N, C-alpha and C. Protein backbone atom coordinates (compact mmCIF):
# COMPACT_ATOMS: atom_id res chain seq x y z
N MET A 1 124.82 103.94 123.62
CA MET A 1 126.31 105.01 124.12
C MET A 1 125.96 105.92 122.85
N PRO A 2 125.94 106.90 122.56
CA PRO A 2 125.41 108.23 121.72
C PRO A 2 127.02 108.12 121.06
N ALA A 3 127.61 108.38 119.72
CA ALA A 3 128.68 108.80 119.04
C ALA A 3 129.45 109.50 119.56
N LYS A 4 128.91 110.53 120.23
CA LYS A 4 129.98 111.76 121.43
C LYS A 4 130.87 111.12 121.92
N THR A 5 130.26 110.24 122.90
CA THR A 5 130.79 109.93 124.26
C THR A 5 131.40 108.77 123.85
N VAL A 6 131.33 108.10 122.68
CA VAL A 6 132.18 106.99 122.02
C VAL A 6 133.25 107.90 121.01
N LYS A 7 133.08 108.73 120.32
CA LYS A 7 134.37 109.84 120.01
C LYS A 7 135.10 110.17 121.29
N LEU A 8 134.55 110.52 122.86
CA LEU A 8 135.62 110.97 124.00
C LEU A 8 135.93 110.17 124.34
N LEU A 9 135.53 108.95 124.67
CA LEU A 9 136.73 107.58 125.35
C LEU A 9 137.66 107.39 124.27
N ILE A 10 137.46 107.58 123.26
CA ILE A 10 138.09 106.81 122.23
C ILE A 10 139.79 107.94 122.47
N THR A 11 139.15 109.67 122.19
CA THR A 11 140.25 110.50 121.96
C THR A 11 141.13 110.26 123.53
N THR A 12 140.15 110.30 124.61
CA THR A 12 140.90 110.16 125.88
C THR A 12 142.19 109.09 125.64
N LEU A 13 141.81 107.84 125.75
CA LEU A 13 142.38 106.72 125.52
C LEU A 13 143.33 107.50 124.65
N VAL A 14 143.64 107.80 123.64
CA VAL A 14 144.63 107.82 122.12
C VAL A 14 145.60 108.81 123.23
N LEU A 15 145.25 110.14 123.84
CA LEU A 15 145.72 110.69 124.74
C LEU A 15 146.72 109.72 126.31
N ILE A 16 145.66 109.14 126.71
CA ILE A 16 146.72 108.86 127.86
C ILE A 16 147.73 107.57 127.27
N THR A 17 147.31 106.87 126.67
CA THR A 17 148.73 105.63 126.34
C THR A 17 149.61 107.10 125.24
N ALA A 18 149.28 107.90 124.21
CA ALA A 18 150.61 108.30 123.73
C ALA A 18 151.39 109.15 125.28
N LEU A 19 150.56 109.36 125.98
CA LEU A 19 151.26 110.16 126.80
C LEU A 19 152.24 109.14 127.58
N GLY A 20 151.06 108.08 128.14
CA GLY A 20 151.95 106.83 128.99
C GLY A 20 153.23 106.44 128.37
N GLY A 21 153.00 106.01 126.89
CA GLY A 21 154.79 106.06 125.95
C GLY A 21 155.69 107.27 125.51
N LEU A 22 155.18 108.32 125.78
CA LEU A 22 156.13 109.44 126.03
C LEU A 22 157.23 109.16 127.47
N LEU A 23 156.21 109.40 128.33
CA LEU A 23 156.59 109.13 129.71
C LEU A 23 157.31 108.00 129.76
N TRP A 24 157.06 106.73 129.20
CA TRP A 24 158.24 106.24 130.35
C TRP A 24 159.28 105.70 129.56
N GLY A 25 158.98 106.50 127.97
CA GLY A 25 160.08 105.98 126.76
C GLY A 25 160.93 107.11 127.49
N THR A 26 161.36 108.36 127.64
CA THR A 26 161.87 108.55 128.74
C THR A 26 162.69 108.81 129.36
N LEU A 27 162.10 108.23 130.81
CA LEU A 27 161.81 107.68 132.20
C LEU A 27 163.23 106.47 131.91
N ALA A 28 163.41 106.00 131.20
CA ALA A 28 163.89 104.79 130.55
C ALA A 28 165.74 104.60 130.44
N GLU A 29 165.07 105.78 129.28
CA GLU A 29 165.66 106.27 128.12
C GLU A 29 167.54 107.19 130.10
N GLY A 30 166.66 108.10 130.94
CA GLY A 30 167.37 109.03 131.64
C GLY A 30 167.72 108.13 132.43
N THR A 31 166.76 107.35 132.66
CA THR A 31 168.04 107.12 134.75
C THR A 31 168.66 105.86 134.20
N GLU A 32 169.56 106.64 135.35
CA GLU A 32 171.19 105.78 136.60
C GLU A 32 171.21 105.59 137.50
N TYR A 33 170.73 104.89 137.77
CA TYR A 33 171.19 104.00 139.31
C TYR A 33 172.37 104.58 140.19
N TYR A 34 172.26 104.96 141.21
CA TYR A 34 173.63 105.37 142.13
C TYR A 34 173.51 104.83 143.30
N MET A 35 175.04 104.55 143.05
CA MET A 35 174.98 103.26 143.83
C MET A 35 176.48 103.27 144.46
N HIS A 36 176.92 102.72 145.60
CA HIS A 36 178.70 102.96 145.75
C HIS A 36 179.31 102.08 145.54
N VAL A 37 180.14 101.93 145.34
CA VAL A 37 181.53 100.69 144.81
C VAL A 37 180.23 99.68 145.73
N ASP A 38 181.11 99.68 146.70
CA ASP A 38 181.08 98.30 147.94
C ASP A 38 179.11 97.70 147.48
N GLU A 39 178.20 98.44 147.17
CA GLU A 39 177.15 98.16 146.90
C GLU A 39 176.84 97.44 145.08
N VAL A 40 177.53 98.11 144.41
CA VAL A 40 177.65 97.38 142.90
C VAL A 40 178.75 96.00 142.64
N MET A 41 179.90 95.70 144.05
CA MET A 41 180.69 94.77 143.50
C MET A 41 180.37 93.62 144.18
N ALA A 42 179.41 94.05 145.48
CA ALA A 42 178.17 92.75 145.95
C ALA A 42 177.68 91.62 144.74
N GLU A 43 177.54 92.75 143.55
CA GLU A 43 176.43 91.02 142.73
C GLU A 43 177.29 92.10 141.38
N PRO A 44 177.57 92.01 141.03
CA PRO A 44 177.94 93.09 139.69
C PRO A 44 177.70 92.03 138.38
N GLU A 45 177.55 90.89 138.55
CA GLU A 45 176.31 90.33 137.28
C GLU A 45 175.05 91.22 137.20
N SER A 46 174.60 91.76 138.36
CA SER A 46 173.23 91.98 137.97
C SER A 46 173.07 93.03 137.76
N TRP A 47 174.02 94.10 137.86
CA TRP A 47 174.50 95.56 137.19
C TRP A 47 175.09 95.83 135.42
N TYR A 48 175.31 94.51 135.23
CA TYR A 48 176.36 94.61 133.55
C TYR A 48 175.14 95.59 132.47
N GLY A 49 175.68 96.74 131.88
CA GLY A 49 174.78 97.21 130.89
C GLY A 49 174.02 97.95 131.28
N LYS A 50 173.97 98.61 132.16
CA LYS A 50 173.19 98.95 132.92
C LYS A 50 174.05 101.08 133.70
N LYS A 51 173.55 101.65 133.27
CA LYS A 51 173.24 103.05 133.46
C LYS A 51 173.87 103.63 134.83
N LEU A 52 174.95 103.72 135.18
CA LEU A 52 175.45 103.93 136.43
C LEU A 52 176.02 105.32 137.49
N GLN A 53 175.70 104.98 138.25
CA GLN A 53 176.50 106.68 139.41
C GLN A 53 177.20 105.89 140.69
N ILE A 54 178.33 105.90 140.57
CA ILE A 54 179.23 104.84 141.29
C ILE A 54 180.00 105.37 142.48
N HIS A 55 179.90 105.95 143.86
CA HIS A 55 180.28 106.74 144.46
C HIS A 55 181.84 105.95 145.52
N GLY A 56 182.36 106.61 145.48
CA GLY A 56 184.10 106.19 146.52
C GLY A 56 184.70 106.88 146.37
N PHE A 57 186.02 106.41 146.61
CA PHE A 57 187.00 107.17 146.84
C PHE A 57 188.50 106.68 145.38
N VAL A 58 189.40 107.89 144.79
CA VAL A 58 190.34 107.22 144.46
C VAL A 58 191.08 106.78 144.98
N VAL A 59 191.24 105.55 144.60
CA VAL A 59 192.43 104.88 145.27
C VAL A 59 194.32 105.11 145.10
N GLU A 60 194.51 105.40 146.31
CA GLU A 60 196.14 105.56 146.40
C GLU A 60 196.75 105.42 145.61
N GLY A 61 197.62 106.23 144.70
CA GLY A 61 198.51 105.50 143.10
C GLY A 61 197.86 105.06 142.20
N SER A 62 196.87 105.21 142.27
CA SER A 62 195.94 103.44 141.13
C SER A 62 196.16 104.78 139.65
N ARG A 63 196.01 106.30 139.44
CA ARG A 63 195.90 106.71 138.64
C ARG A 63 197.07 107.14 137.46
N PHE A 64 196.42 106.12 136.38
CA PHE A 64 197.05 106.91 135.61
C PHE A 64 196.44 107.51 134.22
N ARG A 65 197.53 107.77 133.76
CA ARG A 65 197.57 108.87 131.80
C ARG A 65 198.27 108.35 130.94
N LYS A 66 197.84 108.18 130.16
CA LYS A 66 198.22 107.73 129.21
C LYS A 66 199.17 108.95 128.24
N PRO A 67 200.69 108.82 128.48
CA PRO A 67 201.00 110.13 127.88
C PRO A 67 200.64 110.63 126.30
N GLU A 68 200.34 111.86 126.31
CA GLU A 68 200.00 112.52 125.05
C GLU A 68 198.71 112.24 124.82
N SER A 69 198.04 111.70 125.76
CA SER A 69 196.61 111.74 125.27
C SER A 69 195.79 112.19 127.08
N LEU A 70 194.26 111.64 126.47
CA LEU A 70 193.14 111.97 127.67
C LEU A 70 192.82 111.01 128.14
N ASP A 71 193.42 109.57 127.40
CA ASP A 71 192.88 108.55 128.69
C ASP A 71 193.23 108.21 130.01
N TYR A 72 192.74 107.70 130.33
CA TYR A 72 192.88 107.16 131.87
C TYR A 72 192.74 106.06 132.56
N VAL A 73 193.01 105.45 133.51
CA VAL A 73 192.92 104.98 134.70
C VAL A 73 192.92 104.56 136.11
N PHE A 74 191.98 104.04 136.47
CA PHE A 74 192.21 104.21 137.70
C PHE A 74 191.27 103.34 138.56
N GLN A 75 191.03 103.50 140.16
CA GLN A 75 190.50 102.57 140.70
C GLN A 75 189.87 103.12 141.70
N VAL A 76 188.57 102.81 141.72
CA VAL A 76 187.56 103.86 143.19
C VAL A 76 187.32 102.70 144.08
N GLU A 77 187.56 103.14 145.02
CA GLU A 77 187.07 102.52 146.19
C GLU A 77 185.98 102.57 147.52
N ASN A 78 185.17 101.37 148.57
CA ASN A 78 184.08 101.74 149.16
C ASN A 78 184.18 101.14 150.24
N ASN A 79 184.22 100.92 151.09
CA ASN A 79 184.19 99.92 152.65
C ASN A 79 184.71 98.19 151.43
N GLY A 80 186.25 98.96 151.47
CA GLY A 80 187.08 97.73 151.14
C GLY A 80 186.72 96.98 149.72
N LYS A 81 185.69 97.62 149.34
CA LYS A 81 185.59 97.03 147.37
C LYS A 81 185.90 97.95 146.56
N VAL A 82 186.93 97.54 145.50
CA VAL A 82 187.33 97.83 144.37
C VAL A 82 187.41 97.83 142.99
N ILE A 83 186.87 98.78 142.49
CA ILE A 83 186.67 98.93 140.95
C ILE A 83 187.68 99.70 140.02
N SER A 84 187.57 98.91 138.87
CA SER A 84 189.08 99.78 138.01
C SER A 84 188.12 100.36 137.35
N ALA A 85 188.71 101.76 136.25
CA ALA A 85 187.63 102.22 135.50
C ALA A 85 188.37 102.88 134.00
N ALA A 86 188.40 103.51 133.45
CA ALA A 86 188.45 104.06 132.66
C ALA A 86 187.95 105.00 131.51
N TYR A 87 188.40 105.79 131.38
CA TYR A 87 187.62 106.77 131.24
C TYR A 87 188.30 108.22 130.33
N THR A 88 188.07 108.53 129.41
CA THR A 88 188.92 109.47 128.15
C THR A 88 188.02 111.19 128.62
N GLY A 89 188.66 111.54 129.08
CA GLY A 89 188.88 113.41 128.59
C GLY A 89 188.93 113.76 129.66
N ILE A 90 188.07 115.47 130.04
CA ILE A 90 189.50 115.74 130.72
C ILE A 90 188.83 116.20 132.32
N VAL A 91 189.65 115.61 133.10
CA VAL A 91 189.02 114.80 134.50
C VAL A 91 189.27 116.27 135.31
N PRO A 92 188.76 117.02 136.48
CA PRO A 92 188.47 118.19 137.12
C PRO A 92 190.37 118.34 137.94
N ASP A 93 189.92 119.32 137.93
CA ASP A 93 191.26 119.67 138.85
C ASP A 93 190.90 118.83 140.56
N THR A 94 189.80 118.17 140.85
CA THR A 94 189.98 117.62 142.74
C THR A 94 190.14 116.30 142.23
N PHE A 95 190.01 116.05 140.78
CA PHE A 95 190.43 114.90 140.79
C PHE A 95 191.73 114.15 141.14
N GLN A 96 192.03 113.40 142.42
CA GLN A 96 193.36 113.57 142.88
C GLN A 96 193.55 112.29 143.76
N ASP A 97 194.31 112.20 144.20
CA ASP A 97 194.82 110.40 145.16
C ASP A 97 193.87 110.84 146.05
N GLY A 98 193.16 109.80 146.87
CA GLY A 98 192.07 109.79 147.69
C GLY A 98 190.84 110.47 147.45
N SER A 99 190.63 111.60 146.77
CA SER A 99 189.56 112.29 146.54
C SER A 99 187.81 111.62 146.40
N GLU A 100 187.12 112.08 146.91
CA GLU A 100 185.85 111.62 146.61
C GLU A 100 185.17 111.49 145.07
N VAL A 101 184.93 110.63 144.76
CA VAL A 101 184.25 110.74 143.56
C VAL A 101 183.21 109.89 142.80
N VAL A 102 182.63 111.12 142.17
CA VAL A 102 181.26 110.08 141.25
C VAL A 102 181.51 109.82 140.00
N ILE A 103 181.21 108.79 139.72
CA ILE A 103 181.63 108.58 138.20
C ILE A 103 180.57 107.77 137.34
N SER A 104 180.70 108.19 136.16
CA SER A 104 178.83 107.41 135.23
C SER A 104 179.07 107.28 134.10
N GLY A 105 178.80 105.74 134.35
CA GLY A 105 179.00 104.63 133.28
C GLY A 105 178.22 103.64 132.59
N GLU A 106 178.94 102.19 132.81
CA GLU A 106 178.22 101.30 132.70
C GLU A 106 179.72 100.37 133.39
N LEU A 107 179.22 99.45 133.66
CA LEU A 107 180.03 97.83 133.93
C LEU A 107 180.46 97.04 133.29
N ASP A 108 181.09 96.59 132.73
CA ASP A 108 181.36 95.80 131.24
C ASP A 108 181.76 94.25 131.38
N LEU A 109 181.33 93.32 131.30
CA LEU A 109 181.47 91.71 131.41
C LEU A 109 182.45 91.56 132.28
N HIS A 110 183.47 92.65 132.67
CA HIS A 110 185.08 91.76 132.84
C HIS A 110 184.95 92.39 134.25
N GLY A 111 184.04 93.41 135.20
CA GLY A 111 184.21 93.84 135.97
C GLY A 111 184.32 94.90 136.22
N GLY A 112 184.83 95.79 134.71
CA GLY A 112 186.11 96.65 134.86
C GLY A 112 184.53 98.33 134.33
N PHE A 113 184.47 99.10 134.75
CA PHE A 113 183.92 100.28 134.30
C PHE A 113 184.55 101.53 133.78
N THR A 114 183.83 101.33 132.51
CA THR A 114 184.03 102.67 130.87
C THR A 114 182.94 103.74 131.44
N VAL A 115 183.79 104.46 131.68
CA VAL A 115 183.37 105.86 132.30
C VAL A 115 182.88 106.87 130.83
N ALA A 116 181.22 107.31 130.71
CA ALA A 116 181.02 107.77 129.45
C ALA A 116 181.28 108.98 129.55
N PRO A 117 180.85 110.05 128.27
CA PRO A 117 182.13 111.53 128.64
C PRO A 117 182.12 112.22 129.47
N ASN A 118 182.29 112.92 130.95
CA ASN A 118 182.60 113.82 131.44
C ASN A 118 181.86 113.47 132.56
N GLY A 119 181.74 112.36 132.76
CA GLY A 119 181.50 110.91 133.31
C GLY A 119 181.96 111.58 134.78
N VAL A 120 183.14 112.43 135.09
CA VAL A 120 184.16 112.05 136.25
C VAL A 120 183.55 113.06 137.22
N MET A 121 183.21 112.97 138.28
CA MET A 121 182.87 113.98 139.42
C MET A 121 183.58 114.12 140.31
N ALA A 122 184.89 115.10 140.64
CA ALA A 122 185.46 115.35 142.20
C ALA A 122 185.11 115.87 143.27
N LYS A 123 184.98 115.48 144.00
CA LYS A 123 184.47 116.69 145.36
C LYS A 123 185.34 117.00 146.22
N CYS A 124 185.53 118.45 145.95
CA CYS A 124 186.40 118.49 147.68
C CYS A 124 186.24 118.42 148.71
N PRO A 125 186.63 118.52 149.69
CA PRO A 125 185.68 118.80 150.65
C PRO A 125 186.61 119.53 151.62
N SER A 126 188.28 119.92 151.47
CA SER A 126 187.98 120.79 152.34
C SER A 126 187.58 122.27 151.86
N LYS A 127 186.79 122.31 150.78
CA LYS A 127 185.67 123.32 150.46
C LYS A 127 184.98 124.15 151.56
N TYR A 128 184.06 122.19 151.86
CA TYR A 128 182.57 122.15 152.65
C TYR A 128 182.86 122.83 153.96
N GLU A 129 184.42 121.91 154.27
CA GLU A 129 184.57 122.14 156.12
C GLU A 129 184.24 123.99 156.90
N ALA A 130 183.48 123.66 157.63
CA ALA A 130 183.32 124.36 158.57
C ALA A 130 184.47 125.38 158.89
N LYS A 131 185.06 126.76 158.48
CA LYS A 131 186.04 127.53 159.52
C LYS A 131 185.52 126.68 160.84
N PRO A 132 186.76 127.25 161.45
CA PRO A 132 186.03 127.44 163.37
C PRO A 132 185.98 129.07 163.40
N SER A 133 185.37 129.07 164.98
CA SER A 133 184.68 130.83 164.92
C SER A 133 185.86 131.47 165.45
N LEU A 134 186.05 132.54 165.30
CA LEU A 134 186.97 133.62 165.66
C LEU A 134 186.87 133.53 167.19
N GLY A 135 185.56 134.14 168.05
CA GLY A 135 185.61 134.13 168.82
C GLY A 135 185.69 133.06 170.08
N SER A 136 185.67 131.42 169.84
CA SER A 136 185.91 130.96 170.55
C SER A 136 186.32 130.35 171.59
N ASP A 137 187.96 130.72 170.71
CA ASP A 137 189.34 130.18 171.68
C ASP A 137 189.55 131.87 172.19
N LEU A 138 188.63 133.13 172.18
CA LEU A 138 189.27 134.04 172.86
C LEU A 138 188.83 134.40 174.06
N ALA A 139 189.11 134.81 175.17
CA ALA A 139 189.12 134.88 176.63
C ALA A 139 188.63 136.29 176.75
N VAL A 140 187.75 135.91 177.26
CA VAL A 140 186.77 137.85 178.28
C VAL A 140 187.32 138.65 178.60
N SER A 141 187.96 139.45 178.93
CA SER A 141 188.47 139.97 179.91
C SER A 141 187.30 141.00 180.39
N ASN A 142 188.01 141.35 181.73
CA ASN A 142 186.82 142.97 182.31
C ASN A 142 188.07 143.98 182.88
């Protein structure tokens, strides 16, 4: 093979390896699994230490805030399975008992969930419900 072809092959191989490594490192660092509480709690040991986003509903009466701090503990449930969560930070206004939430963080060895900074996202379903049509209840007169 000519020297020019060998140089071209080596350069191509180095570039492909470098780009592949960069892509792998970026994806591995930023990957989070999106799961529901019942899916995680079915086999919690397989999720320890992995970055997760967990979807569920705040259990009624489970939200507690340590006085004079931003430390919260609460429970999230879905389909009868419950996970306990701990979070330090400001929670959204829509974070209420029964609200739908997605929490980001990691499951610890004791089955609790440590929520990452800014890792509480609460949904407000009332904002997204369709309003009744104005003309649907009106009678037409001639």
